[in-house]
């Protein structure tokens, strides 16, 4: 039974996920550079088969601290996500309150956001490809454990020495701009992904040199998504948690649903948040 007693027809999908092609010689993943209107990403990846489980009707079974992701219902006053000023004022305010309500955190700091409306293969559009930013179809986590502290220190240079003594997280708030059919987003249960599958990879954005995780293939990874997410369906993706007794990170990636391959490009917005606690 789903919300309001409705029965949900599950739409599980047989698809592929692109994993880092580890050369096996101990070499580091190729760095990524984002800036001056473009992104350069030349890391080799290989596609591997998985079935993605549709969580529709079971959304409440998944939580940030157990699985590394959580679905919630939340309507935004913002509908178009075209006006950058409106996003950074009104929408950011909504996002901060949403995360405080869900996590009980004392402080939420938003350090950037990405709106995606472009085609699946947008990386290959060359110069100015960021104007056509589309879905990311490579398995990843936005920050490694070390990369999360780098981001904290970059955002709070004067406070970081104190903040790292208490719990902090990085959580992405991911929302459709229009109902998602093509290139939906999937998240992996954190408990199915050992740290050994994660490899630190440098990513420089403008002047900030960060570190994300790329991922080695493991057939035991368990992938989930929600079919036909609407703008009222919000996905919280945990990228980092300093608390080691809970789920600390969730892999995520867009994937192809063959049923909807020919639909219009997916439209979505993600907001990246540093989440701090008093204790």
Protein backbone atom coordinates (compact mmCIF):
# COMPACT_ATOMS: atom_id res chain seq x y z
CA UNK A 1 0.00 0.00 0.00
CA UNK A 2 1.24 3.45 -0.82
CA UNK A 3 0.38 6.97 0.28
CA UNK A 4 -3.37 7.46 0.88
CA UNK A 5 -3.91 3.72 0.55
CA UNK A 6 -3.11 3.62 -3.17
CA UNK A 7 -1.44 0.58 -4.67
CA UNK A 8 1.73 1.42 -6.58
CA UNK A 9 2.74 -0.43 -9.70
CA UNK A 10 6.49 -0.79 -9.23
CA UNK A 11 8.62 0.30 -12.19
CA UNK A 12 11.94 -1.43 -11.54
CA UNK A 13 14.43 -0.84 -14.37
CA UNK A 14 17.11 -3.04 -15.91
CA UNK A 15 19.85 -0.62 -16.91
CA UNK A 16 23.58 0.08 -16.68
CA UNK A 17 25.68 2.26 -14.41
CA UNK A 18 29.02 3.70 -15.44
CA UNK A 19 31.82 2.87 -13.00
CA UNK A 20 35.39 4.14 -12.98
CA UNK A 21 37.61 1.96 -15.14
CA UNK A 22 40.42 1.33 -12.65
CA UNK A 23 43.65 0.79 -14.63
CA UNK A 24 44.88 -1.40 -11.77
CA UNK A 25 48.32 0.21 -11.58
CA UNK A 26 47.59 2.41 -8.57
CA UNK A 27 47.38 5.59 -10.64
CA UNK A 28 44.96 8.31 -9.54
CA UNK A 29 41.78 9.07 -11.50
CA UNK A 30 42.17 11.81 -14.12
CA UNK A 31 41.42 15.22 -12.54
CA UNK A 32 38.27 17.10 -13.59
CA UNK A 33 38.30 20.84 -14.27
CA UNK A 34 35.19 23.05 -14.19
CA UNK A 35 35.44 26.72 -15.09
CA UNK A 36 35.43 29.36 -17.81
CA UNK A 37 32.11 28.07 -19.07
CA UNK A 38 33.06 24.44 -19.52
CA UNK A 39 33.79 21.12 -17.84
CA UNK A 40 36.58 18.75 -18.85
CA UNK A 41 36.02 15.15 -17.80
CA UNK A 42 38.14 12.51 -19.52
CA UNK A 43 38.01 9.75 -16.93
CA UNK A 44 37.47 6.28 -18.41
CA UNK A 45 34.32 4.49 -17.28
CA UNK A 46 32.76 1.10 -18.03
CA UNK A 47 29.04 0.24 -18.03
CA UNK A 48 27.79 -2.56 -15.76
CA UNK A 49 24.32 -4.11 -15.58
CA UNK A 50 22.03 -3.53 -12.59
CA UNK A 51 18.35 -3.55 -11.72
CA UNK A 52 17.19 -0.34 -10.03
CA UNK A 53 14.43 -0.80 -7.45
CA UNK A 54 11.50 1.63 -7.53
CA UNK A 55 10.77 2.88 -4.00
CA UNK A 56 7.30 4.23 -4.89
CA UNK A 57 4.95 3.56 -1.99
CA UNK A 58 7.86 2.62 0.27
CA UNK A 59 9.61 5.98 0.43
CA UNK A 60 9.35 6.20 4.22
CA UNK A 61 11.47 3.04 4.63
CA UNK A 62 14.63 4.89 3.55
CA UNK A 63 16.48 7.38 5.72
CA UNK A 64 19.64 9.48 5.70
CA UNK A 65 21.26 7.79 8.69
CA UNK A 66 20.51 4.20 7.65
CA UNK A 67 20.67 4.30 3.83
CA UNK A 68 22.37 7.62 3.07
CA UNK A 69 19.35 9.06 1.25
CA UNK A 70 15.80 10.09 2.05
CA UNK A 71 12.71 11.08 0.06
CA UNK A 72 10.36 13.81 1.27
CA UNK A 73 7.34 15.71 0.04
CA UNK A 74 7.95 19.44 -0.12
CA UNK A 75 6.33 22.07 -2.32
CA UNK A 76 8.43 25.06 -3.28
CA UNK A 77 7.13 28.52 -4.05
CA UNK A 78 9.70 28.53 -6.88
CA UNK A 79 8.52 26.76 -10.05
CA UNK A 80 10.75 27.76 -12.97
CA UNK A 81 14.26 27.91 -11.44
CA UNK A 82 15.42 30.35 -14.12
CA UNK A 83 16.00 33.49 -12.02
CA UNK A 84 19.36 33.03 -10.24
CA UNK A 85 18.54 35.74 -7.70
CA UNK A 86 15.26 34.05 -6.77
CA UNK A 87 17.02 30.71 -6.39
CA UNK A 88 19.71 32.13 -4.12
CA UNK A 89 17.28 34.01 -1.89
CA UNK A 90 13.82 32.47 -1.66
CA UNK A 91 14.69 28.89 -2.65
CA UNK A 92 17.84 28.73 -0.55
CA UNK A 93 15.78 29.86 2.45
CA UNK A 94 13.28 27.04 1.84
CA UNK A 95 16.08 24.50 1.52
CA UNK A 96 17.72 25.56 4.77
CA UNK A 97 14.46 25.22 6.66
CA UNK A 98 13.70 21.84 5.07
CA UNK A 99 17.05 20.41 6.16
CA UNK A 100 16.73 21.81 9.67
CA UNK A 101 13.28 20.24 9.97
CA UNK A 102 14.45 16.84 8.69
CA UNK A 103 17.80 16.60 10.50
CA UNK A 104 17.46 18.80 13.58
CA UNK A 105 20.67 20.59 12.57
CA UNK A 106 21.37 24.02 14.04
CA UNK A 107 22.94 25.55 10.94
CA UNK A 108 22.71 24.99 7.18
CA UNK A 109 25.08 26.74 4.77
CA UNK A 110 24.46 26.44 1.03
CA UNK A 111 27.65 26.64 -1.01
CA UNK A 112 26.30 26.17 -4.55
CA UNK A 113 23.58 24.77 -6.74
CA UNK A 114 23.25 23.26 -10.20
CA UNK A 115 20.28 23.47 -12.55
CA UNK A 116 20.22 20.77 -15.22
CA UNK A 117 18.16 21.06 -18.39
CA UNK A 118 20.59 19.81 -21.03
CA UNK A 119 20.96 16.60 -23.04
CA UNK A 120 22.36 13.33 -21.69
CA UNK A 121 25.68 13.67 -23.53
CA UNK A 122 26.21 17.32 -22.58
CA UNK A 123 29.86 16.81 -21.56
CA UNK A 124 30.76 16.40 -25.23
CA UNK A 125 29.32 19.73 -26.37
CA UNK A 126 32.70 21.44 -26.02
CA UNK A 127 33.16 25.05 -25.01
CA UNK A 128 30.28 26.51 -22.98
CA UNK A 129 28.90 23.06 -22.25
CA UNK A 130 27.98 24.26 -18.74
CA UNK A 131 25.18 26.32 -20.32
CA UNK A 132 23.68 22.99 -21.38
CA UNK A 133 24.40 21.15 -18.14
CA UNK A 134 22.61 17.82 -18.14
CA UNK A 135 22.47 14.69 -16.01
CA UNK A 136 25.64 13.11 -14.62
CA UNK A 137 25.71 9.50 -15.82
CA UNK A 138 28.81 8.44 -13.90
CA UNK A 139 28.65 6.79 -10.47
CA UNK A 140 30.11 9.14 -7.87
CA UNK A 141 29.91 10.88 -4.50
CA UNK A 142 30.44 14.65 -4.61
CA UNK A 143 32.92 14.75 -1.70
CA UNK A 144 35.38 12.21 -0.33
CA UNK A 145 35.90 12.21 3.44
CA UNK A 146 38.94 14.45 2.99
CA UNK A 147 37.14 16.48 0.33
CA UNK A 148 34.32 17.26 2.75
CA UNK A 149 36.75 18.79 5.22
CA UNK A 150 38.37 20.76 2.39
CA UNK A 151 34.97 22.20 1.54
CA UNK A 152 34.22 23.02 5.19
CA UNK A 153 37.56 24.83 5.54
CA UNK A 154 37.01 26.69 2.26
CA UNK A 155 33.56 27.91 3.31
CA UNK A 156 34.40 28.65 6.97
CA UNK A 157 38.14 29.43 7.13
CA UNK A 158 37.86 31.18 10.51
CA UNK A 159 35.57 28.64 12.19
CA UNK A 160 36.67 25.33 10.70
CA UNK A 161 38.98 24.28 13.53
CA UNK A 162 36.00 24.41 15.89
CA UNK A 163 33.40 23.04 13.46
CA UNK A 164 35.37 19.87 12.74
CA UNK A 165 35.14 18.96 16.44
CA UNK A 166 31.37 18.56 16.12
CA UNK A 167 29.18 16.61 13.73
CA UNK A 168 28.82 18.04 10.26
CA UNK A 169 27.43 16.73 6.98
CA UNK A 170 27.16 17.59 3.32
CA UNK A 171 23.69 16.91 1.94
CA UNK A 172 22.38 17.59 -1.56
CA UNK A 173 18.73 18.59 -1.99
CA UNK A 174 17.66 17.23 -5.39
CA UNK A 175 14.34 18.31 -6.94
CA UNK A 176 12.70 17.85 -10.35
CA UNK A 177 11.75 21.07 -12.15
CA UNK A 178 9.27 19.00 -14.17
CA UNK A 179 8.11 15.39 -13.74
CA UNK A 180 11.08 13.08 -14.39
CA UNK A 181 10.81 10.36 -17.02
CA UNK A 182 14.09 10.51 -18.96
CA UNK A 183 17.41 10.00 -17.11
CA UNK A 184 16.09 9.63 -13.54
CA UNK A 185 18.48 9.76 -10.59
CA UNK A 186 19.41 6.67 -8.59
CA UNK A 187 21.01 6.35 -5.15
CA UNK A 188 22.79 3.39 -3.60
CA UNK A 189 22.20 2.00 -0.13
CA UNK A 190 25.28 3.06 1.83
CA UNK A 191 25.48 -0.30 3.61
CA UNK A 192 25.99 -2.06 0.26
CA UNK A 193 29.05 0.05 -0.58
CA UNK A 194 32.26 -0.60 1.40
CA UNK A 195 34.86 2.15 1.64
CA UNK A 196 37.22 -0.06 -0.39
CA UNK A 197 35.07 0.61 -3.48
CA UNK A 198 35.68 4.38 -3.24
CA UNK A 199 38.67 6.17 -4.76
CA UNK A 200 39.52 9.83 -4.15
CA UNK A 201 39.54 11.94 -7.32
CA UNK A 202 40.47 15.62 -7.69
CA UNK A 203 37.90 18.04 -9.07
CA UNK A 204 38.74 21.72 -9.43
CA UNK A 205 35.77 24.07 -9.75
CA UNK A 206 36.66 27.68 -10.43
CA UNK A 207 39.39 28.22 -7.77
CA UNK A 208 38.40 25.46 -5.34
CA UNK A 209 40.36 22.21 -5.54
CA UNK A 210 38.06 19.58 -4.09
CA UNK A 211 38.08 15.80 -3.94
CA UNK A 212 35.18 13.52 -4.80
CA UNK A 213 34.81 9.73 -4.83
CA UNK A 214 34.84 7.71 -8.02
CA UNK A 215 33.68 4.13 -7.65
CA UNK A 216 35.00 0.68 -8.42
CA UNK A 217 32.40 -1.74 -9.76
CA UNK A 218 30.88 -4.11 -7.21
CA UNK A 219 27.86 -6.27 -8.15
CA UNK A 220 26.63 -6.06 -4.55
CA UNK A 221 25.74 -2.37 -4.78
CA UNK A 222 21.98 -1.90 -4.29
CA UNK A 223 20.44 0.89 -6.36
CA UNK A 224 17.11 2.67 -5.79
CA UNK A 225 15.07 5.43 -7.40
CA UNK A 226 11.53 6.83 -7.38
CA UNK A 227 9.62 6.54 -10.64
CA UNK A 228 8.00 9.70 -12.03
CA UNK A 229 9.36 12.11 -9.44
CA UNK A 230 7.43 15.38 -9.52
CA UNK A 231 8.52 18.87 -8.40
CA UNK A 232 6.97 18.06 -5.00
CA UNK A 233 9.24 15.03 -4.59
CA UNK A 234 12.56 15.93 -3.01
CA UNK A 235 15.51 13.56 -2.66
CA UNK A 236 18.07 14.22 0.06
CA UNK A 237 21.45 12.70 -0.81
CA UNK A 238 24.06 12.44 1.90
CA UNK A 239 27.53 13.04 0.47
CA UNK A 240 29.34 13.09 3.81
CA UNK A 241 28.80 12.63 7.53
CA UNK A 242 31.52 13.02 10.16
CA UNK A 243 29.54 10.69 12.44
CA UNK A 244 30.97 7.22 11.81
CA UNK A 245 28.18 5.16 13.41
CA UNK A 246 25.64 5.99 10.65
CA UNK A 247 25.48 5.85 6.85
CA UNK A 248 28.18 8.30 5.75
CA UNK A 249 27.61 8.63 1.98
CA UNK A 250 25.40 7.51 -0.87
CA UNK A 251 26.57 6.87 -4.41
CA UNK A 252 24.38 8.51 -7.00
CA UNK A 253 24.07 8.69 -10.75
CA UNK A 254 21.57 9.36 -13.49
CA UNK A 255 20.64 6.28 -15.48
CA UNK A 256 18.78 5.46 -18.67
CA UNK A 257 15.27 4.08 -18.44
CA UNK A 258 14.86 2.46 -21.90
CA UNK A 259 11.07 3.04 -21.69
CA UNK A 260 11.59 6.81 -21.72
CA UNK A 261 14.78 7.14 -23.79
CA UNK A 262 13.17 9.47 -26.36
CA UNK A 263 11.55 11.91 -23.95
CA UNK A 264 12.57 15.55 -23.49
CA UNK A 265 15.73 16.24 -21.51
CA UNK A 266 15.36 15.95 -17.77
CA UNK A 267 15.05 19.19 -15.76
CA UNK A 268 16.23 19.27 -12.16
CA UNK A 269 17.97 21.38 -9.53
CA UNK A 270 20.32 20.27 -6.78
CA UNK A 271 21.41 22.45 -3.88
CA UNK A 272 24.63 21.54 -2.00
CA UNK A 273 24.51 22.15 1.73
CA UNK A 274 26.93 22.05 4.65
CA UNK A 275 24.94 20.95 7.70
CA UNK A 276 26.33 21.72 11.16
CA UNK A 277 25.28 20.61 14.62
CA UNK A 278 25.74 22.13 18.08
CA UNK A 279 26.97 18.85 19.54
